[in-house]
Protein backbone atom coordinates (compact mmCIF):
# COMPACT_ATOMS: atom_id res chain seq x y z
CA MET A 1 19.92 -6.73 -12.52
CA SER A 2 19.95 -3.10 -11.50
CA ARG A 3 21.28 -1.94 -8.17
CA LYS A 4 19.02 -0.84 -5.53
CA PRO A 5 19.01 3.02 -4.91
CA LYS A 6 20.66 4.06 -1.76
CA THR A 7 17.40 5.39 -0.28
CA LEU A 8 15.81 1.96 -0.60
CA LYS A 9 18.66 0.30 1.29
CA LYS A 10 17.57 1.92 4.61
CA GLN A 11 14.41 2.00 6.56
CA VAL A 12 13.72 4.41 9.30
CA ALA A 13 12.22 3.04 12.52
CA GLY A 14 11.98 -0.73 12.33
CA ASN A 15 12.35 -3.49 9.72
CA HIS A 16 8.80 -4.50 9.12
CA TYR A 17 9.29 -3.89 5.33
CA LYS A 18 12.88 -5.13 5.01
CA LYS A 19 12.02 -8.71 6.01
CA LEU A 20 9.57 -9.00 3.03
CA GLY A 21 10.45 -10.65 -0.32
CA ILE A 22 9.90 -7.36 -2.05
CA GLU A 23 9.46 -4.06 -0.38
CA PRO A 24 6.03 -2.39 -0.96
CA ILE A 25 7.67 0.74 -2.30
CA GLU A 26 9.59 -1.30 -5.02
CA TYR A 27 6.30 -2.92 -6.17
CA ILE A 28 4.44 0.40 -6.06
CA LEU A 29 7.05 2.20 -8.16
CA ALA A 30 7.64 -0.70 -10.56
CA ASN A 31 3.89 -0.95 -11.32
CA LYS A 32 3.21 2.85 -11.30
CA LEU A 33 0.42 2.55 -8.68
CA SER A 34 -1.56 5.56 -7.59
CA TYR A 35 -1.19 6.98 -4.11
CA CYS A 36 -4.33 5.25 -2.83
CA CYS A 37 -3.45 1.81 -4.32
CA GLY A 38 0.15 2.19 -3.17
CA ASN A 39 -0.99 2.74 0.40
CA ALA A 40 -3.32 -0.19 0.21
CA VAL A 41 -0.33 -2.38 -0.88
CA LYS A 42 1.68 -0.97 1.96
CA TYR A 43 -0.89 -1.78 4.64
CA ILE A 44 -1.67 -5.18 3.24
CA SER A 45 2.01 -6.04 3.26
CA ARG A 46 3.05 -4.93 6.68
CA ASP A 47 2.81 -7.00 9.86
CA LYS A 48 3.15 -4.40 12.60
CA GLY A 49 0.72 -3.82 15.32
CA SER A 50 -2.96 -4.74 14.67
CA ARG A 51 -3.40 -6.68 11.47
CA ILE A 52 -7.17 -5.86 11.47
CA ASP A 53 -6.36 -2.12 11.72
CA ASP A 54 -4.01 -2.42 8.79
CA LEU A 55 -6.53 -4.25 6.66
CA ASN A 56 -9.17 -1.70 7.46
CA LYS A 57 -6.73 1.08 6.39
CA ALA A 58 -6.18 -0.80 3.15
CA ILE A 59 -9.85 -1.07 2.51
CA HIS A 60 -10.26 2.68 3.25
CA TYR A 61 -7.55 3.56 0.60
CA LEU A 62 -9.25 1.23 -1.92
CA GLU A 63 -12.59 2.91 -1.29
CA MET A 64 -10.94 6.36 -1.79
CA GLU A 65 -9.43 5.11 -4.99
CA ILE A 66 -12.80 4.07 -6.29
CA GLU A 67 -14.67 7.16 -5.18
CA LEU A 68 -12.17 9.97 -5.73
CA VAL A 69 -10.01 8.62 -8.73
CA HIS A 70 -12.53 6.65 -10.60
CA LYS A 71 -15.62 8.91 -9.45
CA LYS A 72 -17.65 5.84 -8.50
CA GLY A 73 -19.36 5.47 -5.20
CA GLU A 74 -22.17 3.06 -4.44
CA LYS A 75 -22.03 1.41 -7.93
CA HIS A 76 -19.63 -1.16 -6.59
CA GLY A 77 -22.03 -2.59 -3.96
CA ARG A 78 -20.63 -0.75 -0.96
CA LYS A 79 -22.97 1.56 0.80
CA ARG A 80 -21.75 4.18 3.07
């Protein structure tokens, strides 16, 4: 088992990711997720403030992934 890099041992401002079984950044890097998908994972994982706001942010990042990265808009059933 590899040692955790020093920068992943600390969290600035709070512990809302440290209390998880795996930190979102570790999952994101291990799975080579895109910026948008990584942010969706981050917002789905955290439990800080308004849960509904975080879920809406995750949805927004997934919509951006579909539209900007995969160049598909309304083909996925979501109308703007």
